[in-house]
Amino acid sequence: MKKDLPKENLEDLDTNLDSIVALIRNYRNESGHPSGKVLSREQCYVNLQLFIPCCKKIYELIDFFKA
């Protein structure tokens, strides 16, 4: 469906979606096989910073598919 998306929706689409999928996969694996490692404050901050552009991209896609 990428060919049907407007150019502004395609910009950084793979990067944003890949980053959030990688975060989900890592934390899912950690919860299934806990190592006891505690997330640092810096890592939490980085995760939140990565989530913001991804969330914006997801809402752009939602708006596109609703129209």
PDB file of N, CA and C in Angstrom:
ATOM      1  N   MET A   1       0.802  -1.201   0.000  1.00  0.00           N
ATOM      2  CA  MET A   1       0.000   0.000   0.000  1.00  0.00           C
ATOM      3  C   MET A   1       0.847   1.269   0.000  1.00  0.00           C
ATOM      4  N   LYS A   2       2.151   1.103   0.120  1.00  0.00           N
ATOM      5  CA  LYS A   2       3.025   2.283   0.168  1.00  0.00           C
ATOM      6  C   LYS A   2       2.863   3.164  -1.055  1.00  0.00           C
ATOM      7  N   LYS A   3       2.639   2.564  -2.207  1.00  0.00           N
ATOM      8  CA  LYS A   3       2.545   3.351  -3.436  1.00  0.00           C
ATOM      9  C   LYS A   3       1.327   4.272  -3.434  1.00  0.00           C
ATOM     10  N   ASP A   4       0.328   3.948  -2.616  1.00  0.00           N
ATOM     11  CA  ASP A   4      -0.881   4.760  -2.539  1.00  0.00           C
ATOM     12  C   ASP A   4      -0.786   5.901  -1.522  1.00  0.00           C
ATOM     13  N   LEU A   5       0.235   5.865  -0.677  1.00  0.00           N
ATOM     14  CA  LEU A   5       0.363   6.885   0.368  1.00  0.00           C
ATOM     15  C   LEU A   5       0.943   8.177  -0.187  1.00  0.00           C
ATOM     16  N   PRO A   6       0.490   9.310   0.337  1.00  0.00           N
ATOM     17  CA  PRO A   6       1.094  10.589  -0.063  1.00  0.00           C
ATOM     18  C   PRO A   6       2.549  10.672   0.393  1.00  0.00           C
ATOM     19  N   LYS A   7       3.304  11.502  -0.286  1.00  0.00           N
ATOM     20  CA  LYS A   7       4.738  11.623  -0.004  1.00  0.00           C
ATOM     21  C   LYS A   7       5.015  11.984   1.454  1.00  0.00           C
ATOM     22  N   GLU A   8       4.209  12.896   2.036  1.00  0.00           N
ATOM     23  CA  GLU A   8       4.466  13.312   3.421  1.00  0.00           C
ATOM     24  C   GLU A   8       4.233  12.176   4.418  1.00  0.00           C
ATOM     25  N   ASN A   9       3.380  11.210   4.073  1.00  0.00           N
ATOM     26  CA  ASN A   9       3.174  10.066   4.953  1.00  0.00           C
ATOM     27  C   ASN A   9       4.298   9.039   4.823  1.00  0.00           C
ATOM     28  N   LEU A  10       4.948   9.011   3.665  1.00  0.00           N
ATOM     29  CA  LEU A  10       6.036   8.052   3.445  1.00  0.00           C
ATOM     30  C   LEU A  10       7.348   8.476   4.094  1.00  0.00           C
ATOM     31  N   GLU A  11       7.504   9.774   4.323  1.00  0.00           N
ATOM     32  CA  GLU A  11       8.759  10.283   4.866  1.00  0.00           C
ATOM     33  C   GLU A  11       9.037   9.669   6.242  1.00  0.00           C
ATOM     34  N   ASP A  12      10.137   8.982   6.370  1.00  0.00           N
ATOM     35  CA  ASP A  12      10.586   8.331   7.611  1.00  0.00           C
ATOM     36  C   ASP A  12       9.614   7.274   8.136  1.00  0.00           C
ATOM     37  N   LEU A  13       8.733   6.775   7.303  1.00  0.00           N
ATOM     38  CA  LEU A  13       7.755   5.781   7.750  1.00  0.00           C
ATOM     39  C   LEU A  13       8.442   4.520   8.261  1.00  0.00           C
ATOM     40  N   ASP A  14       9.335   3.965   7.463  1.00  0.00           N
ATOM     41  CA  ASP A  14      10.025   2.733   7.875  1.00  0.00           C
ATOM     42  C   ASP A  14      10.834   2.930   9.139  1.00  0.00           C
ATOM     43  N   THR A  15      11.532   4.033   9.232  1.00  0.00           N
ATOM     44  CA  THR A  15      12.362   4.300  10.407  1.00  0.00           C
ATOM     45  C   THR A  15      11.519   4.382  11.669  1.00  0.00           C
ATOM     46  N   ASN A  16      10.430   5.140  11.608  1.00  0.00           N
ATOM     47  CA  ASN A  16       9.583   5.304  12.791  1.00  0.00           C
ATOM     48  C   ASN A  16       8.910   4.012  13.201  1.00  0.00           C
ATOM     49  N   LEU A  17       8.356   3.302  12.253  1.00  0.00           N
ATOM     50  CA  LEU A  17       7.671   2.058  12.594  1.00  0.00           C
ATOM     51  C   LEU A  17       8.649   0.977  13.032  1.00  0.00           C
ATOM     52  N   ASP A  18       9.801   0.899  12.384  1.00  0.00           N
ATOM     53  CA  ASP A  18      10.803  -0.091  12.786  1.00  0.00           C
ATOM     54  C   ASP A  18      11.300   0.164  14.206  1.00  0.00           C
ATOM     55  N   SER A  19      11.463   1.423  14.570  1.00  0.00           N
ATOM     56  CA  SER A  19      11.977   1.733  15.906  1.00  0.00           C
ATOM     57  C   SER A  19      10.987   1.335  16.995  1.00  0.00           C
ATOM     58  N   ILE A  20       9.701   1.595  16.779  1.00  0.00           N
ATOM     59  CA  ILE A  20       8.737   1.234  17.810  1.00  0.00           C
ATOM     60  C   ILE A  20       8.553  -0.273  17.883  1.00  0.00           C
ATOM     61  N   VAL A  21       8.609  -0.958  16.740  1.00  0.00           N
ATOM     62  CA  VAL A  21       8.512  -2.425  16.752  1.00  0.00           C
ATOM     63  C   VAL A  21       9.712  -3.028  17.484  1.00  0.00           C
ATOM     64  N   ALA A  22      10.887  -2.465  17.285  1.00  0.00           N
ATOM     65  CA  ALA A  22      12.089  -2.957  17.978  1.00  0.00           C
ATOM     66  C   ALA A  22      11.960  -2.757  19.487  1.00  0.00           C
ATOM     67  N   LEU A  23      11.435  -1.612  19.905  1.00  0.00           N
ATOM     68  CA  LEU A  23      11.226  -1.370  21.342  1.00  0.00           C
ATOM     69  C   LEU A  23      10.256  -2.389  21.927  1.00  0.00           C
ATOM     70  N   ILE A  24       9.137  -2.589  21.237  1.00  0.00           N
ATOM     71  CA  ILE A  24       8.143  -3.543  21.729  1.00  0.00           C
ATOM     72  C   ILE A  24       8.739  -4.943  21.813  1.00  0.00           C
ATOM     73  N   ARG A  25       9.464  -5.353  20.772  1.00  0.00           N
ATOM     74  CA  ARG A  25      10.072  -6.688  20.760  1.00  0.00           C
ATOM     75  C   ARG A  25      11.070  -6.857  21.901  1.00  0.00           C
ATOM     76  N   ASN A  26      11.920  -5.861  22.117  1.00  0.00           N
ATOM     77  CA  ASN A  26      12.915  -5.951  23.190  1.00  0.00           C
ATOM     78  C   ASN A  26      12.276  -6.068  24.562  1.00  0.00           C
ATOM     79  N   TYR A  27      11.259  -5.251  24.824  1.00  0.00           N
ATOM     80  CA  TYR A  27      10.635  -5.292  26.147  1.00  0.00           C
ATOM     81  C   TYR A  27       9.750  -6.512  26.326  1.00  0.00           C
ATOM     82  N   ARG A  28       9.172  -7.013  25.239  1.00  0.00           N
ATOM     83  CA  ARG A  28       8.408  -8.259  25.316  1.00  0.00           C
ATOM     84  C   ARG A  28       9.348  -9.412  25.666  1.00  0.00           C
ATOM     85  N   ASN A  29      10.491  -9.463  24.998  1.00  0.00           N
ATOM     86  CA  ASN A  29      11.462 -10.519  25.281  1.00  0.00           C
ATOM     87  C   ASN A  29      11.986 -10.405  26.706  1.00  0.00           C
ATOM     88  N   GLU A  30      12.212  -9.188  27.156  1.00  0.00           N
ATOM     89  CA  GLU A  30      12.704  -8.981  28.524  1.00  0.00           C
ATOM     90  C   GLU A  30      11.667  -9.432  29.550  1.00  0.00           C
ATOM     91  N   SER A  31      10.404  -9.196  29.271  1.00  0.00           N
ATOM     92  CA  SER A  31       9.377  -9.602  30.227  1.00  0.00           C
ATOM     93  C   SER A  31       9.216 -11.124  30.246  1.00  0.00           C
ATOM     94  N   GLY A  32       9.451 -11.779  29.124  1.00  0.00           N
ATOM     95  CA  GLY A  32       9.360 -13.236  29.065  1.00  0.00           C
ATOM     96  C   GLY A  32      10.581 -13.939  29.632  1.00  0.00           C
ATOM     97  N   HIS A  33      11.715 -13.274  29.569  1.00  0.00           N
ATOM     98  CA  HIS A  33      12.980 -13.825  30.062  1.00  0.00           C
ATOM     99  C   HIS A  33      13.699 -12.738  30.862  1.00  0.00           C
ATOM    100  N   PRO A  34      13.178 -12.406  32.035  1.00  0.00           N
ATOM    101  CA  PRO A  34      13.743 -11.271  32.783  1.00  0.00           C
ATOM    102  C   PRO A  34      15.193 -11.502  33.211  1.00  0.00           C
ATOM    103  N   SER A  35      15.970 -10.450  33.058  1.00  0.00           N
ATOM    104  CA  SER A  35      17.369 -10.517  33.471  1.00  0.00           C
ATOM    105  C   SER A  35      17.583  -9.815  34.807  1.00  0.00           C
ATOM    106  N   GLY A  36      16.559  -9.103  35.270  1.00  0.00           N
ATOM    107  CA  GLY A  36      16.691  -8.361  36.518  1.00  0.00           C
ATOM    108  C   GLY A  36      17.295  -6.979  36.317  1.00  0.00           C
ATOM    109  N   LYS A  37      17.621  -6.658  35.073  1.00  0.00           N
ATOM    110  CA  LYS A  37      18.206  -5.365  34.749  1.00  0.00           C
ATOM    111  C   LYS A  37      17.137  -4.281  34.876  1.00  0.00           C
ATOM    112  N   VAL A  38      17.494  -3.181  35.525  1.00  0.00           N
ATOM    113  CA  VAL A  38      16.572  -2.063  35.709  1.00  0.00           C
ATOM    114  C   VAL A  38      16.891  -0.993  34.674  1.00  0.00           C
ATOM    115  N   LEU A  39      15.838  -0.460  34.039  1.00  0.00           N
ATOM    116  CA  LEU A  39      16.039   0.609  33.063  1.00  0.00           C
ATOM    117  C   LEU A  39      16.540   1.868  33.750  1.00  0.00           C
ATOM    118  N   SER A  40      17.499   2.491  33.118  1.00  0.00           N
ATOM    119  CA  SER A  40      18.004   3.747  33.649  1.00  0.00           C
ATOM    120  C   SER A  40      17.067   4.884  33.273  1.00  0.00           C
ATOM    121  N   ARG A  41      17.192   5.979  33.966  1.00  0.00           N
ATOM    122  CA  ARG A  41      16.399   7.167  33.663  1.00  0.00           C
ATOM    123  C   ARG A  41      16.658   7.624  32.235  1.00  0.00           C
ATOM    124  N   GLU A  42      17.923   7.565  31.814  1.00  0.00           N
ATOM    125  CA  GLU A  42      18.296   7.991  30.465  1.00  0.00           C
ATOM    126  C   GLU A  42      17.641   7.113  29.400  1.00  0.00           C
ATOM    127  N   GLN A  43      17.595   5.800  29.642  1.00  0.00           N
ATOM    128  CA  GLN A  43      16.979   4.890  28.674  1.00  0.00           C
ATOM    129  C   GLN A  43      15.482   5.146  28.566  1.00  0.00           C
ATOM    130  N   CYS A  44      14.826   5.407  29.689  1.00  0.00           N
ATOM    131  CA  CYS A  44      13.402   5.745  29.651  1.00  0.00           C
ATOM    132  C   CYS A  44      13.181   7.022  28.846  1.00  0.00           C
ATOM    133  N   TYR A  45      14.040   8.001  29.037  1.00  0.00           N
ATOM    134  CA  TYR A  45      13.925   9.262  28.311  1.00  0.00           C
ATOM    135  C   TYR A  45      14.090   9.035  26.806  1.00  0.00           C
ATOM    136  N   VAL A  46      15.067   8.237  26.424  1.00  0.00           N
ATOM    137  CA  VAL A  46      15.300   7.935  25.017  1.00  0.00           C
ATOM    138  C   VAL A  46      14.083   7.225  24.415  1.00  0.00           C
ATOM    139  N   ASN A  47      13.523   6.270  25.140  1.00  0.00           N
ATOM    140  CA  ASN A  47      12.345   5.552  24.647  1.00  0.00           C
ATOM    141  C   ASN A  47      11.177   6.502  24.408  1.00  0.00           C
ATOM    142  N   LEU A  48      10.964   7.418  25.317  1.00  0.00           N
ATOM    143  CA  LEU A  48       9.879   8.390  25.147  1.00  0.00           C
ATOM    144  C   LEU A  48      10.148   9.311  23.965  1.00  0.00           C
ATOM    145  N   GLN A  49      11.390   9.700  23.770  1.00  0.00           N
ATOM    146  CA  GLN A  49      11.740  10.559  22.643  1.00  0.00           C
ATOM    147  C   GLN A  49      11.550   9.833  21.311  1.00  0.00           C
ATOM    148  N   LEU A  50      11.810   8.552  21.277  1.00  0.00           N
ATOM    149  CA  LEU A  50      11.609   7.770  20.055  1.00  0.00           C
ATOM    150  C   LEU A  50      10.132   7.559  19.767  1.00  0.00           C
ATOM    151  N   PHE A  51       9.330   7.490  20.823  1.00  0.00           N
ATOM    152  CA  PHE A  51       7.913   7.219  20.654  1.00  0.00           C
ATOM    153  C   PHE A  51       7.159   8.397  20.031  1.00  0.00           C
ATOM    154  N   ILE A  52       7.573   9.618  20.315  1.00  0.00           N
ATOM    155  CA  ILE A  52       6.848  10.806  19.848  1.00  0.00           C
ATOM    156  C   ILE A  52       6.734  10.867  18.325  1.00  0.00           C
ATOM    157  N   PRO A  53       7.832  10.794  17.557  1.00  0.00           N
ATOM    158  CA  PRO A  53       7.674  10.841  16.098  1.00  0.00           C
ATOM    159  C   PRO A  53       6.922   9.626  15.550  1.00  0.00           C
ATOM    160  N   CYS A  54       7.081   8.494  16.186  1.00  0.00           N
ATOM    161  CA  CYS A  54       6.369   7.304  15.740  1.00  0.00           C
ATOM    162  C   CYS A  54       4.870   7.484  15.932  1.00  0.00           C
ATOM    163  N   CYS A  55       4.471   8.008  17.052  1.00  0.00           N
ATOM    164  CA  CYS A  55       3.060   8.225  17.337  1.00  0.00           C
ATOM    165  C   CYS A  55       2.462   9.225  16.345  1.00  0.00           C
ATOM    166  N   LYS A  56       3.201  10.277  16.034  1.00  0.00           N
ATOM    167  CA  LYS A  56       2.739  11.251  15.043  1.00  0.00           C
ATOM    168  C   LYS A  56       2.523  10.584  13.693  1.00  0.00           C
ATOM    169  N   LYS A  57       3.456   9.731  13.304  1.00  0.00           N
ATOM    170  CA  LYS A  57       3.348   9.036  12.021  1.00  0.00           C
ATOM    171  C   LYS A  57       2.139   8.106  12.012  1.00  0.00           C
ATOM    172  N   ILE A  58       1.890   7.425  13.096  1.00  0.00           N
ATOM    173  CA  ILE A  58       0.740   6.526  13.187  1.00  0.00           C
ATOM    174  C   ILE A  58      -0.563   7.307  13.028  1.00  0.00           C
ATOM    175  N   TYR A  59      -0.650   8.468  13.675  1.00  0.00           N
ATOM    176  CA  TYR A  59      -1.868   9.274  13.551  1.00  0.00           C
ATOM    177  C   TYR A  59      -2.030   9.864  12.154  1.00  0.00           C
ATOM    178  N   GLU A  60      -0.939  10.169  11.479  1.00  0.00           N
ATOM    179  CA  GLU A  60      -1.028  10.593  10.075  1.00  0.00           C
ATOM    180  C   GLU A  60      -1.611   9.471   9.221  1.00  0.00           C
ATOM    181  N   LEU A  61      -1.164   8.260   9.463  1.00  0.00           N
ATOM    182  CA  LEU A  61      -1.683   7.113   8.712  1.00  0.00           C
ATOM    183  C   LEU A  61      -3.156   6.860   9.029  1.00  0.00           C
ATOM    184  N   ILE A  62      -3.539   6.980  10.285  1.00  0.00           N
ATOM    185  CA  ILE A  62      -4.948   6.816  10.670  1.00  0.00           C
ATOM    186  C   ILE A  62      -5.804   7.828   9.922  1.00  0.00           C
ATOM    187  N   ASP A  63      -5.379   9.091   9.921  1.00  0.00           N
ATOM    188  CA  ASP A  63      -6.127  10.141   9.213  1.00  0.00           C
ATOM    189  C   ASP A  63      -6.240   9.849   7.721  1.00  0.00           C
ATOM    190  N   PHE A  64      -5.138   9.372   7.131  1.00  0.00           N
ATOM    191  CA  PHE A  64      -5.155   9.050   5.708  1.00  0.00           C
ATOM    192  C   PHE A  64      -6.156   7.946   5.400  1.00  0.00           C
ATOM    193  N   PHE A  65      -6.141   6.883   6.204  1.00  0.00           N
ATOM    194  CA  PHE A  65      -7.010   5.742   5.911  1.00  0.00           C
ATOM    195  C   PHE A  65      -8.463   6.023   6.256  1.00  0.00           C
ATOM    196  N   LYS A  66      -8.723   6.976   7.150  1.00  0.00           N
ATOM    197  CA  LYS A  66     -10.109   7.365   7.441  1.00  0.00           C
ATOM    198  C   LYS A  66     -10.718   8.135   6.272  1.00  0.00           C
ATOM    199  N   ALA A  67      -9.868   8.877   5.549  1.00  0.00           N
ATOM    200  CA  ALA A  67     -10.376   9.717   4.444  1.00  0.00           C
ATOM    201  C   ALA A  67     -10.704   8.908   3.209  1.00  0.00           C
TER     202      ALA A  67
END
